[in-house]
Structure formats: C-alpha cells, structure tokens
C-alpha cells in the first residue's frame, strides 16, 4: 500500500503481555539449563570416573531410555505430576531438568573420558575428594561441553510448546510459545 499502517505493532504488543511471557520463558529455560548442566555432569562424572558395582549395566539402561519416544512417557508423567499437585505451575517444566538428560549424560561422559586420569590423581594427592575433583578439575576443563549442554537445554526449553500447553492453565504463567500460539489463533 502507498501508506503503511504502523498502528498494528503497538496493538499486537498490547494484545498479549509479551514481556511477561518472555520473562516466564526465560526463567523456565534458565533454571532448566542450570539443572541439566549440574545433574547431568554429576552423573556423567560418576559413569566416567568412579568404579561402582553395576555401573556398566546402569549406563546401558540409561542409553536404552534414549530409544523411548517422548509420546510413550507423556501420559504417565502427566499422571504423576497431577497426583503431586504440580499441574498449573512451573514445577513440571523445571524439576525434571534436575534429574538430568540421558543424551547429555552420554555426551558429558564421553567428554570426561578424554580428560587424562593423571589430573584427577594429582587432585586426589592434593587432598581433593570426588566432588572436589568434579568441581575443580572436571568442570573447568569441560566448559565447551557444558556450554553446549546449557545452550541446547536453554533453546529446547525456550522453544517448547507441548510442555507448557500440557501443564500450564493460568494465562499469567504462559510462556512465549503459548502466547504466540494464542496470538496466531
């Protein structure tokens, strides 16, 4: 058209509280990224460096969970969260991140296996326990892998539509993906 109409932009931004939805999405994505990085790196360190009975069997079971599609576990997980009374809040979107991700545990384990054992031995001689070795040796050396895990998790939580659609029923807690979907429809 000869004369563009610019009033559509303020109307669109005031139709849905995009700022509030963006804040909700950022909080969920950031907490999920932190949870996955911490929990997955701890479990991966255990699989890579600690010797314990049944370690290889547990690792095989962990890898086997990668073969299960999300649609298989969707209903049982929803029922569990409903019985816990978490439906309608952020807990179903955030708490599972603190139990790790099988793919990221595998990725970090493979990275931890490339770190020379001598570094852990030197830290152990200096008096570090296993948590100290994980925190002071492994985490600083694995910043690229941890950054990858954090970015993938953040982007996955940021773009997630199905999780918020299933668990959030209050429009003040909607995420940006739900808000945009509401805007489109």
C-alpha atoms as a PDB file:
ATOM      1  CA  UNK A   1       0.000   0.000   0.000  1.00  0.00           C
ATOM      2  CA  UNK A   2       1.009   3.569  -0.519  1.00  0.00           C
ATOM      3  CA  UNK A   3       0.636   4.471   3.161  1.00  0.00           C
ATOM      4  CA  UNK A   4       1.750   1.716   5.546  1.00  0.00           C
ATOM      5  CA  UNK A   5      -0.189   1.326   8.768  1.00  0.00           C
ATOM      6  CA  UNK A   6       2.160   1.307  11.772  1.00  0.00           C
ATOM      7  CA  UNK A   7      -0.510   1.142  14.463  1.00  0.00           C
ATOM      8  CA  UNK A   8      -0.692  -2.650  14.091  1.00  0.00           C
ATOM      9  CA  UNK A   9       2.577  -3.120  16.021  1.00  0.00           C
ATOM     10  CA  UNK A  10       1.500  -1.463  19.291  1.00  0.00           C
ATOM     11  CA  UNK A  11      -1.864  -3.215  19.047  1.00  0.00           C
ATOM     12  CA  UNK A  12      -0.139  -6.578  18.590  1.00  0.00           C
ATOM     13  CA  UNK A  13       2.225  -5.996  21.504  1.00  0.00           C
ATOM     14  CA  UNK A  14      -0.625  -4.940  23.786  1.00  0.00           C
ATOM     15  CA  UNK A  15      -2.929  -7.793  22.749  1.00  0.00           C
ATOM     16  CA  UNK A  16      -0.860 -10.313  24.706  1.00  0.00           C
ATOM     17  CA  UNK A  17       1.623  -9.480  27.508  1.00  0.00           C
ATOM     18  CA  UNK A  18       4.700 -10.495  25.530  1.00  0.00           C
ATOM     19  CA  UNK A  19       7.115  -9.102  28.125  1.00  0.00           C
ATOM     20  CA  UNK A  20       5.563 -11.169  30.912  1.00  0.00           C
ATOM     21  CA  UNK A  21       5.513 -14.300  28.744  1.00  0.00           C
ATOM     22  CA  UNK A  22       9.144 -13.702  27.774  1.00  0.00           C
ATOM     23  CA  UNK A  23      10.127 -13.415  31.449  1.00  0.00           C
ATOM     24  CA  UNK A  24       8.291 -16.664  32.266  1.00  0.00           C
ATOM     25  CA  UNK A  25      10.036 -18.388  29.379  1.00  0.00           C
ATOM     26  CA  UNK A  26      13.442 -17.054  30.392  1.00  0.00           C
ATOM     27  CA  UNK A  27      13.008 -18.217  34.000  1.00  0.00           C
ATOM     28  CA  UNK A  28      11.948 -21.712  32.929  1.00  0.00           C
ATOM     29  CA  UNK A  29      14.720 -22.009  30.336  1.00  0.00           C
ATOM     30  CA  UNK A  30      17.461 -20.691  32.633  1.00  0.00           C
ATOM     31  CA  UNK A  31      16.524 -22.902  35.574  1.00  0.00           C
ATOM     32  CA  UNK A  32      16.233 -25.913  33.260  1.00  0.00           C
ATOM     33  CA  UNK A  33      19.659 -25.231  31.766  1.00  0.00           C
ATOM     34  CA  UNK A  34      21.252 -24.942  35.205  1.00  0.00           C
ATOM     35  CA  UNK A  35      19.519 -28.118  36.401  1.00  0.00           C
ATOM     36  CA  UNK A  36      20.543 -30.191  33.407  1.00  0.00           C
ATOM     37  CA  UNK A  37      24.159 -28.976  33.478  1.00  0.00           C
ATOM     38  CA  UNK A  38      24.615 -29.724  37.182  1.00  0.00           C
ATOM     39  CA  UNK A  39      22.797 -33.056  37.331  1.00  0.00           C
ATOM     40  CA  UNK A  40      23.997 -34.439  34.009  1.00  0.00           C
ATOM     41  CA  UNK A  41      27.612 -33.528  34.711  1.00  0.00           C
ATOM     42  CA  UNK A  42      27.486 -35.203  38.138  1.00  0.00           C
ATOM     43  CA  UNK A  43      26.038 -38.407  36.735  1.00  0.00           C
ATOM     44  CA  UNK A  44      28.391 -38.336  33.754  1.00  0.00           C
ATOM     45  CA  UNK A  45      31.366 -37.926  36.081  1.00  0.00           C
ATOM     46  CA  UNK A  46      30.175 -40.926  38.061  1.00  0.00           C
ATOM     47  CA  UNK A  47      29.859 -43.037  34.919  1.00  0.00           C
ATOM     48  CA  UNK A  48      33.199 -41.884  33.534  1.00  0.00           C
ATOM     49  CA  UNK A  49      35.478 -41.885  36.591  1.00  0.00           C
ATOM     50  CA  UNK A  50      34.027 -43.769  39.543  1.00  0.00           C
ATOM     51  CA  UNK A  51      34.116 -47.532  39.886  1.00  0.00           C
ATOM     52  CA  UNK A  52      30.942 -48.974  41.396  1.00  0.00           C
ATOM     53  CA  UNK A  53      29.038 -52.209  41.125  1.00  0.00           C
ATOM     54  CA  UNK A  54      26.540 -52.236  38.286  1.00  0.00           C
ATOM     55  CA  UNK A  55      27.911 -49.096  36.628  1.00  0.00           C
ATOM     56  CA  UNK A  56      28.022 -50.539  33.128  1.00  0.00           C
ATOM     57  CA  UNK A  57      24.547 -52.078  33.473  1.00  0.00           C
ATOM     58  CA  UNK A  58      23.116 -48.763  34.661  1.00  0.00           C
ATOM     59  CA  UNK A  59      24.819 -46.960  31.793  1.00  0.00           C
ATOM     60  CA  UNK A  60      23.298 -49.441  29.340  1.00  0.00           C
ATOM     61  CA  UNK A  61      19.845 -48.842  30.864  1.00  0.00           C
ATOM     62  CA  UNK A  62      20.419 -45.098  30.591  1.00  0.00           C
ATOM     63  CA  UNK A  63      21.274 -45.482  26.910  1.00  0.00           C
ATOM     64  CA  UNK A  64      18.222 -47.676  26.403  1.00  0.00           C
ATOM     65  CA  UNK A  65      15.995 -44.822  27.608  1.00  0.00           C
ATOM     66  CA  UNK A  66      17.104 -42.851  24.553  1.00  0.00           C
ATOM     67  CA  UNK A  67      15.085 -45.294  22.440  1.00  0.00           C
ATOM     68  CA  UNK A  68      11.817 -44.355  24.148  1.00  0.00           C
ATOM     69  CA  UNK A  69       9.948 -41.597  22.334  1.00  0.00           C
ATOM     70  CA  UNK A  70       8.503 -38.832  24.476  1.00  0.00           C
ATOM     71  CA  UNK A  71       4.954 -39.799  23.467  1.00  0.00           C
ATOM     72  CA  UNK A  72       5.326 -43.101  25.334  1.00  0.00           C
ATOM     73  CA  UNK A  73       6.106 -41.446  28.658  1.00  0.00           C
ATOM     74  CA  UNK A  74       3.899 -38.373  28.246  1.00  0.00           C
ATOM     75  CA  UNK A  75       0.735 -39.722  29.884  1.00  0.00           C
ATOM     76  CA  UNK A  76       2.384 -41.498  32.857  1.00  0.00           C
ATOM     77  CA  UNK A  77       4.466 -38.401  33.611  1.00  0.00           C
ATOM     78  CA  UNK A  78       1.358 -36.218  33.423  1.00  0.00           C
ATOM     79  CA  UNK A  79      -0.475 -38.516  35.852  1.00  0.00           C
ATOM     80  CA  UNK A  80       2.468 -38.385  38.276  1.00  0.00           C
ATOM     81  CA  UNK A  81       2.565 -34.591  38.148  1.00  0.00           C
ATOM     82  CA  UNK A  82      -1.211 -34.432  38.610  1.00  0.00           C
ATOM     83  CA  UNK A  83      -1.004 -36.597  41.743  1.00  0.00           C
ATOM     84  CA  UNK A  84       1.804 -34.387  43.051  1.00  0.00           C
ATOM     85  CA  UNK A  85      -0.407 -31.330  42.514  1.00  0.00           C
ATOM     86  CA  UNK A  86       2.076 -29.657  40.184  1.00  0.00           C
ATOM     87  CA  UNK A  87      -0.279 -29.038  37.250  1.00  0.00           C
ATOM     88  CA  UNK A  88      -0.756 -25.321  36.684  1.00  0.00           C
ATOM     89  CA  UNK A  89       2.701 -24.278  37.851  1.00  0.00           C
ATOM     90  CA  UNK A  90       6.277 -24.229  36.614  1.00  0.00           C
ATOM     91  CA  UNK A  91       7.393 -27.321  38.563  1.00  0.00           C
ATOM     92  CA  UNK A  92       6.582 -29.880  35.803  1.00  0.00           C
ATOM     93  CA  UNK A  93       8.629 -27.802  33.387  1.00  0.00           C
ATOM     94  CA  UNK A  94      11.632 -27.255  35.681  1.00  0.00           C
ATOM     95  CA  UNK A  95      12.012 -30.137  38.155  1.00  0.00           C
ATOM     96  CA  UNK A  96      12.634 -32.905  35.553  1.00  0.00           C
ATOM     97  CA  UNK A  97      15.703 -30.970  34.400  1.00  0.00           C
ATOM     98  CA  UNK A  98      17.326 -31.618  37.778  1.00  0.00           C
ATOM     99  CA  UNK A  99      17.232 -35.358  37.061  1.00  0.00           C
ATOM    100  CA  UNK A 100      19.459 -34.993  34.012  1.00  0.00           C
ATOM    101  CA  UNK A 101      19.061 -35.929  30.412  1.00  0.00           C
ATOM    102  CA  UNK A 102      20.202 -39.267  29.033  1.00  0.00           C
ATOM    103  CA  UNK A 103      21.655 -37.732  25.891  1.00  0.00           C
ATOM    104  CA  UNK A 104      23.582 -35.054  27.788  1.00  0.00           C
ATOM    105  CA  UNK A 105      24.822 -37.573  30.357  1.00  0.00           C
ATOM    106  CA  UNK A 106      26.167 -39.664  27.485  1.00  0.00           C
ATOM    107  CA  UNK A 107      27.725 -36.611  25.817  1.00  0.00           C
ATOM    108  CA  UNK A 108      29.429 -35.423  29.001  1.00  0.00           C
ATOM    109  CA  UNK A 109      30.592 -38.927  29.924  1.00  0.00           C
ATOM    110  CA  UNK A 110      32.307 -39.244  26.586  1.00  0.00           C
ATOM    111  CA  UNK A 111      33.945 -35.861  27.112  1.00  0.00           C
ATOM    112  CA  UNK A 112      35.053 -36.729  30.648  1.00  0.00           C
ATOM    113  CA  UNK A 113      36.677 -39.914  29.379  1.00  0.00           C
ATOM    114  CA  UNK A 114      39.016 -37.780  27.256  1.00  0.00           C
ATOM    115  CA  UNK A 115      40.369 -35.887  30.285  1.00  0.00           C
ATOM    116  CA  UNK A 116      43.627 -37.508  31.439  1.00  0.00           C
ATOM    117  CA  UNK A 117      43.289 -39.581  34.598  1.00  0.00           C
ATOM    118  CA  UNK A 118      46.548 -38.083  35.860  1.00  0.00           C
ATOM    119  CA  UNK A 119      44.799 -34.768  36.530  1.00  0.00           C
ATOM    120  CA  UNK A 120      42.311 -36.481  38.823  1.00  0.00           C
ATOM    121  CA  UNK A 121      45.118 -38.398  40.508  1.00  0.00           C
ATOM    122  CA  UNK A 122      47.049 -35.176  41.108  1.00  0.00           C
ATOM    123  CA  UNK A 123      43.978 -33.547  42.655  1.00  0.00           C
ATOM    124  CA  UNK A 124      43.433 -36.634  44.815  1.00  0.00           C
ATOM    125  CA  UNK A 125      47.060 -36.438  46.036  1.00  0.00           C
ATOM    126  CA  UNK A 126      46.449 -32.762  46.892  1.00  0.00           C
ATOM    127  CA  UNK A 127      43.578 -33.858  49.135  1.00  0.00           C
ATOM    128  CA  UNK A 128      40.525 -33.380  46.900  1.00  0.00           C
ATOM    129  CA  UNK A 129      37.612 -35.757  47.255  1.00  0.00           C
ATOM    130  CA  UNK A 130      35.486 -36.843  44.268  1.00  0.00           C
ATOM    131  CA  UNK A 131      33.183 -33.804  44.476  1.00  0.00           C
ATOM    132  CA  UNK A 132      36.218 -31.563  44.648  1.00  0.00           C
ATOM    133  CA  UNK A 133      37.739 -33.234  41.606  1.00  0.00           C
ATOM    134  CA  UNK A 134      34.444 -32.833  39.745  1.00  0.00           C
ATOM    135  CA  UNK A 135      34.154 -29.172  40.715  1.00  0.00           C
ATOM    136  CA  UNK A 136      37.781 -28.034  40.500  1.00  0.00           C
ATOM    137  CA  UNK A 137      39.190 -30.241  37.730  1.00  0.00           C
ATOM    138  CA  UNK A 138      36.479 -31.641  35.502  1.00  0.00           C
ATOM    139  CA  UNK A 139      34.079 -28.692  35.289  1.00  0.00           C
ATOM    140  CA  UNK A 140      36.716 -26.089  34.328  1.00  0.00           C
ATOM    141  CA  UNK A 141      38.166 -28.417  31.698  1.00  0.00           C
ATOM    142  CA  UNK A 142      34.761 -29.228  30.240  1.00  0.00           C
ATOM    143  CA  UNK A 143      33.475 -25.685  29.682  1.00  0.00           C
ATOM    144  CA  UNK A 144      32.891 -26.263  25.934  1.00  0.00           C
ATOM    145  CA  UNK A 145      30.816 -29.393  26.563  1.00  0.00           C
ATOM    146  CA  UNK A 146      28.920 -27.784  29.448  1.00  0.00           C
ATOM    147  CA  UNK A 147      28.200 -24.723  27.312  1.00  0.00           C
ATOM    148  CA  UNK A 148      26.836 -26.965  24.581  1.00  0.00           C
ATOM    149  CA  UNK A 149      24.585 -28.754  27.060  1.00  0.00           C
ATOM    150  CA  UNK A 150      23.395 -25.453  28.538  1.00  0.00           C
ATOM    151  CA  UNK A 151      22.645 -23.929  25.127  1.00  0.00           C
ATOM    152  CA  UNK A 152      20.792 -26.980  23.833  1.00  0.00           C
ATOM    153  CA  UNK A 153      18.738 -27.187  27.014  1.00  0.00           C
ATOM    154  CA  UNK A 154      18.006 -23.461  27.051  1.00  0.00           C
ATOM    155  CA  UNK A 155      16.899 -23.485  23.427  1.00  0.00           C
ATOM    156  CA  UNK A 156      14.818 -26.608  23.937  1.00  0.00           C
ATOM    157  CA  UNK A 157      13.017 -25.092  26.923  1.00  0.00           C
ATOM    158  CA  UNK A 158      12.634 -21.741  25.143  1.00  0.00           C
ATOM    159  CA  UNK A 159      11.017 -23.336  22.080  1.00  0.00           C
ATOM    160  CA  UNK A 160       8.937 -25.897  23.991  1.00  0.00           C
ATOM    161  CA  UNK A 161       5.250 -25.667  23.184  1.00  0.00           C
ATOM    162  CA  UNK A 162       3.928 -29.070  24.249  1.00  0.00           C
ATOM    163  CA  UNK A 163       5.155 -28.982  27.866  1.00  0.00           C
ATOM    164  CA  UNK A 164       3.639 -25.590  28.729  1.00  0.00           C
ATOM    165  CA  UNK A 165       0.500 -26.490  26.786  1.00  0.00           C
ATOM    166  CA  UNK A 166       0.053 -29.629  28.909  1.00  0.00           C
ATOM    167  CA  UNK A 167       0.957 -28.236  32.324  1.00  0.00           C
ATOM    168  CA  UNK A 168       0.057 -24.539  32.403  1.00  0.00           C
ATOM    169  CA  UNK A 169      -3.573 -23.498  32.685  1.00  0.00           C
ATOM    170  CA  UNK A 170      -3.196 -19.945  34.026  1.00  0.00           C
ATOM    171  CA  UNK A 171      -2.519 -17.352  31.334  1.00  0.00           C
ATOM    172  CA  UNK A 172      -0.299 -15.347  33.713  1.00  0.00           C
ATOM    173  CA  UNK A 173       2.135 -18.293  33.680  1.00  0.00           C
ATOM    174  CA  UNK A 174       2.136 -18.845  29.937  1.00  0.00           C
ATOM    175  CA  UNK A 175       5.408 -18.997  28.079  1.00  0.00           C
ATOM    176  CA  UNK A 176       6.241 -17.109  24.915  1.00  0.00           C
ATOM    177  CA  UNK A 177       5.465 -20.094  22.699  1.00  0.00           C
ATOM    178  CA  UNK A 178       1.962 -20.383  24.181  1.00  0.00           C
ATOM    179  CA  UNK A 179       1.467 -16.640  23.915  1.00  0.00           C
ATOM    180  CA  UNK A 180       2.492 -16.616  20.271  1.00  0.00           C
ATOM    181  CA  UNK A 181       0.226 -19.559  19.574  1.00  0.00           C
ATOM    182  CA  UNK A 182      -2.633 -17.703  21.289  1.00  0.00           C
ATOM    183  CA  UNK A 183      -1.780 -14.636  19.222  1.00  0.00           C
ATOM    184  CA  UNK A 184      -1.833 -16.589  15.983  1.00  0.00           C
ATOM    185  CA  UNK A 185      -5.135 -18.289  16.737  1.00  0.00           C
END
